[in-house]
Amino acid sequence: MPFKDSGRAVVVGETTQGSSGNPYRADLGFGMSVAIGAVRYRFPDGAPFEGVGIVPDVPVGRRLADLAGDRDAVLLRAEELAGAR
């Protein structure tokens, strides 16, 4: 979020899952559990990203062919943007 908000980086990849990474977890028993977002973070302008996600500047989706071929499409695109390829 800080990089997206400040414009100090180009965010490459997929939209995030919209979680702060600080969920409240509870064991419900019988092999079931739940994880609930416990903190509601927002961008400095007040726009939410918790439950919404952070949209990349350069979207790059995952494909089965990339996974099967051990190819990191996001890293390759980032390298292209940086002029490394």
Protein backbone atom coordinates (compact mmCIF):
# COMPACT_ATOMS: atom_id res chain seq x y z
CA MET A 1 0.00 0.00 0.00
CA PRO A 2 2.74 2.55 0.74
CA PHE A 3 4.28 2.05 -2.71
CA LYS A 4 0.92 2.31 -4.47
CA ASP A 5 -0.08 5.39 -2.50
CA SER A 6 3.20 7.27 -2.88
CA GLY A 7 3.73 6.40 -6.54
CA ARG A 8 7.32 5.41 -5.71
CA ALA A 9 6.98 2.08 -7.50
CA VAL A 10 5.11 0.39 -10.30
CA VAL A 11 3.04 -2.41 -8.83
CA VAL A 12 3.08 -5.48 -11.11
CA GLY A 13 1.01 -8.65 -10.80
CA GLU A 14 -2.49 -9.46 -9.61
CA THR A 15 -4.92 -7.60 -7.38
CA THR A 16 -4.18 -8.51 -3.78
CA GLN A 17 -6.68 -10.44 -1.72
CA GLY A 18 -7.54 -7.37 0.36
CA SER A 19 -6.26 -8.44 3.74
CA SER A 20 -4.03 -6.73 6.25
CA GLY A 21 -2.55 -10.10 7.11
CA ASN A 22 -3.75 -9.73 10.68
CA PRO A 23 -6.82 -11.97 10.84
CA TYR A 24 -8.59 -13.14 13.95
CA ARG A 25 -8.51 -16.94 13.81
CA ALA A 26 -10.85 -19.26 15.65
CA ASP A 27 -11.01 -23.04 15.78
CA LEU A 28 -14.64 -24.09 15.36
CA GLY A 29 -13.94 -27.73 16.10
CA PHE A 30 -14.59 -30.77 13.91
CA GLY A 31 -11.66 -29.76 11.66
CA MET A 32 -13.16 -26.36 10.83
CA SER A 33 -11.67 -22.95 11.47
CA VAL A 34 -12.36 -19.37 10.47
CA ALA A 35 -10.15 -16.37 9.76
CA ILE A 36 -11.76 -12.93 9.89
CA GLY A 37 -10.07 -9.66 9.01
CA ALA A 38 -9.61 -8.02 12.40
CA VAL A 39 -8.19 -4.68 11.27
CA ARG A 40 -9.77 -2.34 8.72
CA TYR A 41 -6.88 -0.57 7.03
CA ARG A 42 -7.44 2.18 4.46
CA PHE A 43 -5.40 4.24 2.06
CA PRO A 44 -4.48 7.71 3.38
CA ASP A 45 -7.31 9.19 1.27
CA GLY A 46 -9.79 7.00 3.15
CA ALA A 47 -10.37 4.47 0.36
CA PRO A 48 -10.50 0.91 1.69
CA PHE A 49 -8.24 -1.90 0.61
CA GLU A 50 -9.28 -4.36 3.32
CA GLY A 51 -11.72 -6.71 1.60
CA VAL A 52 -11.16 -4.93 -1.74
CA GLY A 53 -7.50 -5.45 -2.57
CA ILE A 54 -4.83 -3.30 -4.16
CA VAL A 55 -5.00 -3.17 -7.95
CA PRO A 56 -1.63 -3.36 -9.72
CA ASP A 57 -0.48 -0.67 -12.15
CA VAL A 58 0.52 -3.42 -14.59
CA PRO A 59 -1.79 -6.44 -14.33
CA VAL A 60 -0.17 -9.81 -14.99
CA GLY A 61 -2.30 -12.89 -14.41
CA ARG A 62 -1.16 -16.40 -13.64
CA ARG A 63 -1.65 -19.07 -16.26
CA LEU A 64 -1.46 -22.83 -15.90
CA ALA A 65 1.19 -22.98 -18.63
CA ASP A 66 3.41 -20.62 -16.62
CA LEU A 67 3.00 -22.69 -13.45
CA ALA A 68 3.63 -25.97 -15.29
CA GLY A 69 6.66 -24.48 -17.04
CA ASP A 70 8.09 -23.04 -13.81
CA ARG A 71 7.87 -19.55 -15.39
CA ASP A 72 7.34 -16.49 -13.19
CA ALA A 73 5.38 -14.20 -15.53
CA VAL A 74 5.20 -11.40 -12.95
CA LEU A 75 8.95 -11.34 -12.39
CA LEU A 76 9.63 -11.47 -16.13
CA ARG A 77 7.27 -8.53 -16.77
CA ALA A 78 8.85 -6.54 -13.93
CA GLU A 79 12.28 -7.18 -15.43
CA GLU A 80 11.03 -6.00 -18.83
CA LEU A 81 9.69 -2.80 -17.29
CA ALA A 82 13.00 -2.22 -15.50
CA GLY A 83 14.91 -2.67 -18.74
CA ALA A 84 16.65 -5.78 -17.47
CA ARG A 85 15.40 -7.90 -20.40
